[in-house]
Amino acid sequence: MNEPLSKPFVSCTCRPCQHSPDHREDEQHRRMKLLASQLSGVHRRLYAAVETHRIGFRSCARVSQITGVGFQAISRGRAELALLLAGRALQQPKGRPGRPAIDKTYPDIRRTLQQLLSDDTAGDPMTDKVWVRTSSRTLSNRLAELGYMVNYHTICRLLREMGYSMMVNVKKRASTTHSPRRDSQFEYIAQRKAAFLASGSPVISVDCKKKELIGHFRASGRSWCAKAIHVNEHSFASLAQCVAAPYGIYDILTNAGYVWVSTSRDTPASAVTAIKRWWFQSGRSMYPNAKELLILADSGGSNSCRSRAWKYRLQSHICDPCDLTVTVCHYPTGCSKYNPIERRLFSHISMNWLGKPLISLEVMLGYIRGTTTQSGLTVQAFMMDEEFTGGQRVSTTEMDTVAIHSHDTCPNWNYTIQPRSTPGGPRA
């Protein structure tokens, strides 16, 4: 307790200490100022009053100069200390001094504010949460036009008391334009997936991840680092080394991900090429006896359910050369987030490079390969050097050569393509 206080903000400023740095009471005065700074209200006044009785001559002025407590506050504290010493309780203040409450100045302020918000209010019909699109400063100006002089800080307080708060949009409303066959498609996908997994046949989920600019561009999120990473001021694609399109394949049974990164366009040709490479590099060794393959895909993009090029290439690049029957089940439009690859692979890859700019393709591949989870996810990443161009058209004559059989349930979303060496076959 006798260690000296060396903090400059509690140094004593009384006249003896200013004139003589070696003043013997300097340390005591600094302790007084430090203690007074930690108190507030009546306790600060009472402490100052006690010090005036200890100091004696010109005590009020000196204590005020040392502690920073006002002279009138010290006088009031001395009177309160006298009451306490006489065994009498202090009289509690009835209210906070200052300007009157806003409700007393403008009794109808809340009703007027509610009228202004009636046309600018949105809310959640399932809860009591509401929020305001108009800013508090705008509301303050509009109230001023009606004769209510209210600060925007007071507007914020009133809004909170009325049940309003500042919020961001939350994606929780389902689309009202979805197909009436949506629920039946989800049930059918679950049935097909369970049947393939039970028989030991491979089930893969495919999709193309969001395209990424390669270069010193700002990455969303934060990461631990000693110094912030400097990136470009603007995220123009013209400044990028290239634009990478990662096409992913997620093996549901083995909890393994495979990503092929292309600097070309995302086309049906690139999607089928990635699936073909997965089969020859990993698929056929992990499933040596497999004769069927189930692909879960979105309804749009390079693996669209309406794309002729997608179906034609599945026939010519996978079914025929691999002697493999391919069944494709598409998720309904607007339901891509239910595709397993989104939450089981792509989300973990995004979290792995969170806050880290992808300055090169090697760095991008490194982050993809380093992605893992506690459930044992493993990810492999490769480059696709081929140049893929869009606009490939498949004629009706070529499409007639595809051994495709639509399913009875949602035929636009579910179909099976068989090797042309074994034409026909039962309808799925």
Protein backbone atom coordinates (compact mmCIF):
# COMPACT_ATOMS: atom_id res chain seq x y z
CA MET A 1 0.00 0.00 0.00
CA ASN A 2 2.98 2.34 0.41
CA GLU A 3 4.14 1.95 -3.17
CA PRO A 4 4.18 5.35 -4.92
CA LEU A 5 1.65 6.09 -7.59
CA SER A 6 3.37 7.07 -10.80
CA LYS A 7 0.34 7.64 -13.05
CA PRO A 8 0.56 11.16 -14.53
CA PHE A 9 -3.21 11.71 -14.60
CA VAL A 10 -3.43 11.57 -10.80
CA SER A 11 -0.56 13.96 -10.11
CA CYS A 12 -1.41 16.67 -7.64
CA THR A 13 -2.12 20.16 -8.98
CA CYS A 14 -2.37 22.14 -5.77
CA ARG A 15 -0.21 25.22 -5.50
CA PRO A 16 2.38 23.85 -3.01
CA CYS A 17 2.94 20.82 -5.20
CA GLN A 18 3.17 22.92 -8.34
CA HIS A 19 5.80 25.19 -6.85
CA SER A 20 7.77 22.37 -5.23
CA PRO A 21 7.91 18.91 -6.83
CA ASP A 22 9.40 17.57 -3.60
CA HIS A 23 6.46 18.76 -1.51
CA ARG A 24 6.02 16.23 1.28
CA GLU A 25 2.23 16.06 0.84
CA ASP A 26 2.35 15.52 -2.92
CA GLU A 27 1.88 11.75 -2.61
CA GLN A 28 -1.07 12.14 -0.23
CA HIS A 29 -2.72 14.65 -2.52
CA ARG A 30 -2.39 12.33 -5.50
CA ARG A 31 -4.04 9.56 -3.52
CA MET A 32 -6.88 11.90 -2.62
CA LYS A 33 -7.44 12.83 -6.25
CA LEU A 34 -7.33 9.19 -7.36
CA LEU A 35 -9.88 8.14 -4.74
CA ALA A 36 -12.20 11.04 -5.54
CA SER A 37 -12.10 10.12 -9.24
CA GLN A 38 -13.45 6.65 -8.44
CA LEU A 39 -16.45 7.96 -6.49
CA SER A 40 -19.58 9.70 -7.69
CA GLY A 41 -22.55 11.57 -6.32
CA VAL A 42 -23.09 11.74 -2.59
CA HIS A 43 -20.10 9.49 -1.80
CA ARG A 44 -17.74 11.90 -3.54
CA ARG A 45 -19.16 14.87 -1.62
CA LEU A 46 -18.93 13.04 1.69
CA TYR A 47 -15.32 12.04 1.08
CA ALA A 48 -14.41 15.64 0.27
CA ALA A 49 -16.19 16.80 3.43
CA VAL A 50 -14.21 14.33 5.54
CA GLU A 51 -10.94 15.63 4.04
CA THR A 52 -11.91 19.23 4.86
CA HIS A 53 -12.24 18.33 8.53
CA ARG A 54 -8.82 16.67 8.42
CA ILE A 55 -6.99 19.51 6.65
CA GLY A 56 -8.46 22.35 8.65
CA PHE A 57 -7.36 25.88 7.53
CA ARG A 58 -8.97 26.92 4.23
CA SER A 59 -9.97 23.31 3.89
CA CYS A 60 -12.79 23.70 1.33
CA ALA A 61 -10.67 25.61 -1.15
CA ARG A 62 -7.69 23.25 -0.82
CA VAL A 63 -9.77 20.05 -1.08
CA SER A 64 -11.54 21.49 -4.11
CA GLN A 65 -8.17 22.28 -5.71
CA ILE A 66 -6.75 18.82 -4.94
CA THR A 67 -9.70 16.56 -5.79
CA GLY A 68 -11.49 18.63 -8.43
CA VAL A 69 -14.76 18.57 -6.47
CA GLY A 70 -16.64 21.85 -6.75
CA PHE A 71 -16.73 24.27 -3.80
CA GLN A 72 -20.54 24.17 -3.62
CA ALA A 73 -20.53 20.36 -3.75
CA ILE A 74 -18.08 20.29 -0.83
CA SER A 75 -20.27 22.65 1.19
CA ARG A 76 -23.26 20.43 0.50
CA GLY A 77 -21.23 17.38 1.51
CA ARG A 78 -20.27 19.05 4.81
CA ALA A 79 -23.96 19.63 5.58
CA GLU A 80 -24.79 16.01 4.70
CA LEU A 81 -21.89 14.78 6.84
CA ALA A 82 -23.24 16.82 9.77
CA LEU A 83 -26.63 15.14 9.40
CA LEU A 84 -25.01 11.70 9.38
CA LEU A 85 -22.93 12.50 12.45
CA ALA A 86 -26.12 13.65 14.20
CA GLY A 87 -27.76 10.29 13.45
CA ARG A 88 -30.19 11.66 10.87
CA ALA A 89 -30.74 10.07 7.44
CA LEU A 90 -30.00 11.97 4.29
CA GLN A 91 -32.96 13.27 2.31
CA GLN A 92 -33.15 11.43 -1.00
CA PRO A 93 -33.69 13.64 -4.06
CA LYS A 94 -37.13 13.32 -5.57
CA GLY A 95 -35.92 13.50 -9.13
CA ARG A 96 -32.95 14.18 -11.31
CA PRO A 97 -32.35 17.89 -11.70
CA GLY A 98 -32.28 19.34 -15.19
CA ARG A 99 -34.70 19.85 -18.03
CA PRO A 100 -38.10 18.14 -17.76
CA ALA A 101 -38.78 14.78 -19.36
CA ILE A 102 -39.77 14.79 -23.02
CA ASP A 103 -43.16 13.32 -22.14
CA LYS A 104 -43.90 16.35 -19.95
CA THR A 105 -42.78 18.83 -22.59
CA TYR A 106 -44.66 17.07 -25.41
CA PRO A 107 -47.31 14.76 -23.88
CA ASP A 108 -48.38 13.48 -27.32
CA ILE A 109 -44.87 12.91 -28.69
CA ARG A 110 -45.24 9.14 -28.82
CA ARG A 111 -48.55 9.25 -30.63
CA THR A 112 -47.17 11.74 -33.17
CA LEU A 113 -44.05 9.64 -33.68
CA GLN A 114 -46.18 6.53 -34.18
CA GLN A 115 -48.17 8.32 -36.89
CA LEU A 116 -44.98 9.25 -38.71
CA LEU A 117 -43.86 5.62 -38.59
CA SER A 118 -47.17 4.13 -39.71
CA ASP A 119 -46.20 4.35 -43.40
CA ASP A 120 -42.54 3.40 -42.87
CA THR A 121 -42.86 0.36 -40.62
CA ALA A 122 -42.10 -3.26 -41.40
CA GLY A 123 -42.11 -6.23 -39.10
CA ASP A 124 -42.26 -9.96 -38.49
CA PRO A 125 -45.89 -11.16 -38.27
CA MET A 126 -44.84 -14.13 -36.12
CA THR A 127 -43.21 -12.05 -33.36
CA ASP A 128 -43.54 -8.63 -31.74
CA LYS A 129 -40.36 -7.30 -33.37
CA VAL A 130 -40.64 -4.18 -35.49
CA TRP A 131 -38.07 -1.93 -37.13
CA VAL A 132 -37.98 1.42 -38.90
CA ARG A 133 -36.68 2.21 -42.36
CA THR A 134 -36.54 5.99 -41.72
CA SER A 135 -33.44 7.29 -39.91
CA SER A 136 -33.68 8.98 -36.51
CA ARG A 137 -32.30 12.24 -37.94
CA THR A 138 -35.02 12.30 -40.59
CA LEU A 139 -37.66 11.70 -37.94
CA SER A 140 -36.20 14.53 -35.86
CA ASN A 141 -36.47 16.91 -38.83
CA ARG A 142 -40.02 15.84 -39.58
CA LEU A 143 -41.01 16.36 -35.94
CA ALA A 144 -39.39 19.81 -36.02
CA GLU A 145 -41.68 20.73 -38.93
CA LEU A 146 -44.62 19.82 -36.68
CA GLY A 147 -43.32 21.96 -33.81
CA TYR A 148 -41.59 19.24 -31.77
CA MET A 149 -37.98 20.16 -31.02
CA VAL A 150 -36.56 16.72 -30.24
CA ASN A 151 -32.94 15.61 -30.63
CA TYR A 152 -32.29 12.49 -32.70
CA HIS A 153 -30.73 10.80 -29.64
CA THR A 154 -34.07 11.18 -27.89
CA ILE A 155 -35.77 9.75 -30.98
CA CYS A 156 -33.61 6.63 -30.67
CA ARG A 157 -34.50 6.24 -27.01
CA LEU A 158 -38.21 6.66 -27.71
CA LEU A 159 -38.08 4.10 -30.52
CA ARG A 160 -36.44 1.54 -28.24
CA GLU A 161 -39.06 2.18 -25.56
CA MET A 162 -41.78 1.72 -28.19
CA GLY A 163 -40.41 -1.69 -29.18
CA TYR A 164 -38.41 -0.70 -32.27
CA SER A 165 -34.78 -1.58 -32.95
CA MET A 166 -32.26 -1.44 -35.80
CA MET A 167 -32.06 -4.78 -37.61
CA VAL A 168 -30.76 -6.30 -40.81
CA ASN A 169 -32.73 -8.43 -43.26
CA VAL A 170 -32.87 -12.12 -42.41
CA LYS A 171 -33.42 -14.74 -45.12
CA LYS A 172 -36.20 -16.77 -43.52
CA ARG A 173 -39.15 -16.36 -45.90
CA ALA A 174 -39.62 -19.17 -48.38
CA SER A 175 -40.41 -18.28 -51.97
CA THR A 176 -44.13 -17.99 -52.65
CA THR A 177 -43.68 -18.97 -56.31
CA HIS A 178 -42.17 -22.43 -55.80
CA SER A 179 -43.49 -25.40 -57.70
CA PRO A 180 -46.25 -27.43 -56.03
CA ARG A 181 -44.07 -30.51 -56.72
CA ARG A 182 -41.31 -29.20 -54.48
CA ASP A 183 -42.17 -31.32 -51.42
CA SER A 184 -42.62 -34.47 -53.46
CA GLN A 185 -39.22 -33.89 -55.10
CA PHE A 186 -37.50 -33.62 -51.72
CA GLU A 187 -39.13 -36.86 -50.61
CA TYR A 188 -38.12 -38.58 -53.83
CA ILE A 189 -34.50 -37.41 -53.51
CA ALA A 190 -34.38 -38.78 -49.97
CA GLN A 191 -35.72 -42.14 -51.17
CA ARG A 192 -33.27 -42.40 -54.08
CA LYS A 193 -30.32 -41.40 -51.90
CA ALA A 194 -31.22 -43.95 -49.21
CA ALA A 195 -31.60 -46.72 -51.79
CA PHE A 196 -28.22 -46.03 -53.41
CA LEU A 197 -26.41 -45.76 -50.08
CA ALA A 198 -27.99 -48.99 -48.86
CA SER A 199 -26.74 -50.84 -51.96
CA GLY A 200 -23.23 -49.37 -51.63
CA SER A 201 -23.50 -47.37 -54.85
CA PRO A 202 -21.84 -43.93 -54.97
CA VAL A 203 -23.89 -40.81 -54.32
CA ILE A 204 -22.25 -37.48 -55.16
CA SER A 205 -23.44 -33.91 -54.80
CA VAL A 206 -22.11 -31.49 -57.42
CA ASP A 207 -22.15 -27.75 -57.95
CA CYS A 208 -19.94 -24.83 -58.96
CA LYS A 209 -18.84 -22.59 -56.10
CA LYS A 210 -18.90 -18.82 -56.35
CA LYS A 211 -16.28 -17.48 -58.74
CA GLU A 212 -13.32 -15.84 -57.02
CA LEU A 213 -11.02 -13.02 -58.16
CA ILE A 214 -7.38 -14.08 -57.92
CA GLY A 215 -5.15 -11.26 -56.73
CA HIS A 216 -4.76 -8.80 -53.89
CA PHE A 217 -8.47 -8.25 -53.33
CA ARG A 218 -10.36 -7.73 -50.10
CA ALA A 219 -11.68 -10.94 -48.58
CA SER A 220 -14.75 -10.90 -46.39
CA GLY A 221 -14.39 -11.86 -42.75
CA ARG A 222 -11.61 -11.45 -40.19
CA SER A 223 -8.55 -13.52 -39.33
CA TRP A 224 -5.83 -13.49 -36.67
CA CYS A 225 -2.74 -11.60 -37.81
CA ALA A 226 -0.19 -9.21 -36.34
CA LYS A 227 -0.80 -6.60 -39.03
CA ALA A 228 -3.69 -6.00 -41.38
CA ILE A 229 -3.13 -7.27 -44.92
CA HIS A 230 -3.01 -4.53 -47.55
CA VAL A 231 -5.20 -5.18 -50.58
CA ASN A 232 -6.40 -3.23 -53.61
CA GLU A 233 -8.76 -0.34 -53.08
CA HIS A 234 -11.16 -1.65 -55.73
CA SER A 235 -12.29 -5.15 -56.64
CA PHE A 236 -12.42 -4.78 -60.40
CA ALA A 237 -12.21 -7.99 -62.40
CA SER A 238 -9.89 -6.23 -64.85
CA LEU A 239 -7.26 -6.01 -62.07
CA ALA A 240 -7.36 -9.76 -61.33
CA GLN A 241 -4.80 -12.26 -62.51
CA CYS A 242 -7.72 -14.49 -63.46
CA VAL A 243 -11.20 -15.47 -62.35
CA ALA A 244 -11.32 -18.95 -60.79
CA ALA A 245 -14.41 -21.16 -61.01
CA PRO A 246 -14.16 -24.05 -58.50
CA TYR A 247 -16.40 -26.99 -59.42
CA GLY A 248 -16.94 -29.28 -56.46
CA ILE A 249 -17.89 -32.93 -56.02
CA TYR A 250 -18.88 -34.19 -52.58
CA ASP A 251 -18.96 -37.93 -51.91
CA ILE A 252 -21.68 -38.38 -49.30
CA LEU A 253 -20.73 -41.91 -48.25
CA THR A 254 -17.03 -41.23 -47.62
CA ASN A 255 -17.38 -37.58 -46.51
CA ALA A 256 -14.77 -36.52 -49.05
CA GLY A 257 -14.66 -33.45 -51.27
CA TYR A 258 -13.01 -32.96 -54.65
CA VAL A 259 -12.64 -29.55 -56.27
CA TRP A 260 -11.48 -28.83 -59.81
CA VAL A 261 -10.53 -25.20 -60.34
CA SER A 262 -10.86 -23.77 -63.82
CA THR A 263 -9.94 -20.32 -65.07
CA SER A 264 -12.32 -20.76 -67.97
CA ARG A 265 -16.09 -20.52 -68.09
CA ASP A 266 -18.39 -22.71 -66.03
CA THR A 267 -20.05 -24.85 -68.72
CA PRO A 268 -21.63 -28.32 -68.97
CA ALA A 269 -18.37 -29.47 -70.53
CA SER A 270 -16.33 -28.39 -67.49
CA ALA A 271 -18.85 -29.95 -65.09
CA VAL A 272 -18.86 -33.33 -66.83
CA THR A 273 -15.06 -33.25 -67.18
CA ALA A 274 -14.73 -32.78 -63.40
CA ILE A 275 -17.10 -35.70 -62.71
CA LYS A 276 -15.25 -37.91 -65.19
CA ARG A 277 -11.89 -37.13 -63.59
CA TRP A 278 -13.30 -37.87 -60.14
CA TRP A 279 -14.48 -41.27 -61.33
CA PHE A 280 -11.20 -42.29 -62.93
CA GLN A 281 -9.01 -40.90 -60.10
CA SER A 282 -11.02 -41.95 -57.05
CA GLY A 283 -14.52 -43.19 -57.76
CA ARG A 284 -13.88 -46.49 -59.48
CA SER A 285 -11.21 -47.49 -56.94
CA MET A 286 -13.50 -46.78 -53.98
CA TYR A 287 -16.51 -48.42 -55.65
CA PRO A 288 -15.01 -51.22 -57.78
CA ASN A 289 -18.31 -53.09 -58.13
CA ALA A 290 -20.50 -50.06 -58.77
CA LYS A 291 -22.70 -50.11 -61.85
CA GLU A 292 -24.83 -47.08 -60.93
CA LEU A 293 -24.10 -43.50 -59.90
CA LEU A 294 -26.50 -41.00 -58.33
CA ILE A 295 -25.79 -37.31 -58.93
CA LEU A 296 -27.53 -34.63 -56.84
CA ALA A 297 -27.41 -31.26 -58.58
CA ASP A 298 -29.11 -27.88 -58.75
CA SER A 299 -31.66 -27.05 -61.41
CA GLY A 300 -29.56 -24.31 -63.01
CA GLY A 301 -26.01 -23.47 -63.92
CA SER A 302 -23.69 -25.78 -65.81
CA ASN A 303 -25.65 -28.84 -64.61
CA SER A 304 -29.08 -27.48 -65.43
CA CYS A 305 -31.99 -29.86 -65.72
CA ARG A 306 -32.86 -28.27 -69.07
CA SER A 307 -29.37 -28.36 -70.54
CA ARG A 308 -29.04 -30.67 -73.51
CA ALA A 309 -25.25 -30.36 -73.44
CA TRP A 310 -25.18 -31.57 -69.83
CA LYS A 311 -27.17 -34.72 -70.61
CA TYR A 312 -25.40 -35.40 -73.90
CA ARG A 313 -21.97 -35.19 -72.29
CA LEU A 314 -23.01 -37.43 -69.41
CA GLN A 315 -23.88 -40.01 -72.04
CA SER A 316 -20.76 -39.66 -74.18
CA HIS A 317 -18.14 -38.97 -71.47
CA ILE A 318 -19.29 -41.01 -68.45
CA CYS A 319 -22.00 -43.56 -69.21
CA ASP A 320 -20.48 -45.04 -72.38
CA PRO A 321 -16.73 -45.06 -71.57
CA CYS A 322 -17.23 -46.04 -67.92
CA ASP A 323 -20.11 -48.49 -68.56
CA LEU A 324 -21.97 -46.72 -65.78
CA THR A 325 -25.68 -45.99 -65.38
CA VAL A 326 -26.10 -42.42 -64.14
CA THR A 327 -29.20 -41.22 -62.31
CA VAL A 328 -29.56 -37.46 -61.84
CA CYS A 329 -31.90 -35.82 -59.32
CA HIS A 330 -32.15 -32.04 -59.44
CA TYR A 331 -33.18 -29.89 -56.49
CA PRO A 332 -36.12 -27.58 -57.28
CA THR A 333 -35.44 -24.04 -58.43
CA GLY A 334 -34.44 -21.79 -55.54
CA CYS A 335 -33.48 -24.72 -53.29
CA SER A 336 -29.75 -24.91 -53.97
CA LYS A 337 -28.96 -24.39 -50.29
CA TYR A 338 -30.39 -27.86 -49.60
CA ASN A 339 -27.81 -29.45 -51.87
CA PRO A 340 -25.44 -31.33 -49.48
CA ILE A 341 -22.31 -29.90 -51.11
CA GLU A 342 -23.27 -26.38 -50.04
CA ARG A 343 -23.26 -26.97 -46.29
CA ARG A 344 -20.86 -29.93 -46.08
CA LEU A 345 -18.08 -28.71 -48.36
CA PHE A 346 -18.37 -25.19 -49.74
CA SER A 347 -19.24 -23.59 -46.39
CA HIS A 348 -16.13 -25.07 -44.74
CA ILE A 349 -13.91 -23.97 -47.61
CA SER A 350 -15.22 -20.41 -47.29
CA MET A 351 -14.58 -20.43 -43.54
CA ASN A 352 -11.06 -21.75 -44.05
CA TRP A 353 -9.98 -18.78 -46.21
CA LEU A 354 -12.08 -16.24 -44.28
CA GLY A 355 -10.30 -12.89 -44.24
CA LYS A 356 -7.43 -14.15 -46.44
CA PRO A 357 -7.03 -12.70 -49.96
CA LEU A 358 -6.53 -15.31 -52.67
CA ILE A 359 -3.40 -13.79 -54.16
CA SER A 360 -2.67 -16.75 -56.48
CA LEU A 361 -4.14 -20.02 -57.69
CA GLU A 362 -1.60 -21.92 -55.57
CA VAL A 363 -2.85 -20.13 -52.45
CA MET A 364 -6.45 -20.92 -53.38
CA LEU A 365 -5.68 -24.60 -53.91
CA GLY A 366 -3.79 -24.67 -50.61
CA TYR A 367 -6.76 -23.34 -48.65
CA ILE A 368 -9.09 -25.82 -50.36
CA ARG A 369 -6.79 -28.76 -49.60
CA GLY A 370 -6.36 -27.63 -46.01
CA THR A 371 -10.10 -27.65 -45.31
CA THR A 372 -11.19 -30.19 -42.72
CA THR A 373 -13.81 -30.66 -40.01
CA GLN A 374 -14.15 -32.56 -36.75
CA SER A 375 -16.34 -35.09 -38.56
CA GLY A 376 -13.36 -36.07 -40.74
CA LEU A 377 -13.91 -34.17 -43.98
CA THR A 378 -11.03 -34.46 -46.45
CA VAL A 379 -10.70 -32.30 -49.54
CA GLN A 380 -8.56 -32.65 -52.65
CA ALA A 381 -8.08 -29.87 -55.19
CA PHE A 382 -6.86 -29.93 -58.76
CA MET A 383 -6.45 -27.55 -61.68
CA MET A 384 -8.26 -27.91 -65.00
CA ASP A 385 -6.12 -26.40 -67.73
CA GLU A 386 -8.64 -26.96 -70.54
CA GLU A 387 -10.31 -23.99 -72.16
CA PHE A 388 -14.09 -24.32 -72.05
CA THR A 389 -16.26 -22.13 -74.24
CA GLY A 390 -19.95 -21.58 -73.81
CA GLY A 391 -22.72 -21.78 -76.35
CA GLN A 392 -22.38 -25.46 -77.20
CA ARG A 393 -25.54 -26.60 -78.95
CA VAL A 394 -26.81 -30.16 -79.18
CA SER A 395 -29.10 -30.88 -82.09
CA THR A 396 -32.30 -32.89 -81.82
CA THR A 397 -30.68 -35.69 -83.81
CA GLU A 398 -27.80 -35.89 -81.33
CA MET A 399 -30.19 -35.72 -78.40
CA ASP A 400 -32.16 -38.67 -79.79
CA THR A 401 -29.05 -40.84 -79.40
CA VAL A 402 -29.00 -40.28 -75.62
CA ALA A 403 -30.37 -43.31 -73.76
CA ILE A 404 -32.28 -41.21 -71.24
CA HIS A 405 -35.31 -42.37 -69.29
CA SER A 406 -37.35 -39.88 -67.31
CA HIS A 407 -38.78 -41.00 -63.99
CA ASP A 408 -42.47 -41.04 -63.22
CA THR A 409 -41.96 -38.64 -60.28
CA CYS A 410 -41.12 -35.12 -61.45
CA PRO A 411 -39.75 -36.25 -64.83
CA ASN A 412 -38.16 -32.86 -65.53
CA TRP A 413 -35.96 -33.20 -62.44
CA ASN A 414 -35.29 -36.95 -62.33
CA TYR A 415 -33.88 -39.07 -65.12
CA THR A 416 -31.52 -42.00 -65.73
CA ILE A 417 -28.98 -42.26 -68.53
CA GLN A 418 -27.77 -45.75 -69.41
CA PRO A 419 -24.74 -46.86 -71.44
CA ARG A 420 -25.67 -47.17 -75.09
CA SER A 421 -24.13 -50.62 -75.12
CA THR A 422 -27.16 -51.75 -73.08
CA PRO A 423 -30.06 -49.89 -74.67
CA GLY A 424 -33.55 -50.00 -73.27
CA GLY A 425 -33.95 -51.29 -69.78
CA PRO A 426 -36.75 -50.80 -67.27
CA ARG A 427 -38.22 -47.38 -66.74
CA ALA A 428 -37.15 -45.96 -63.37
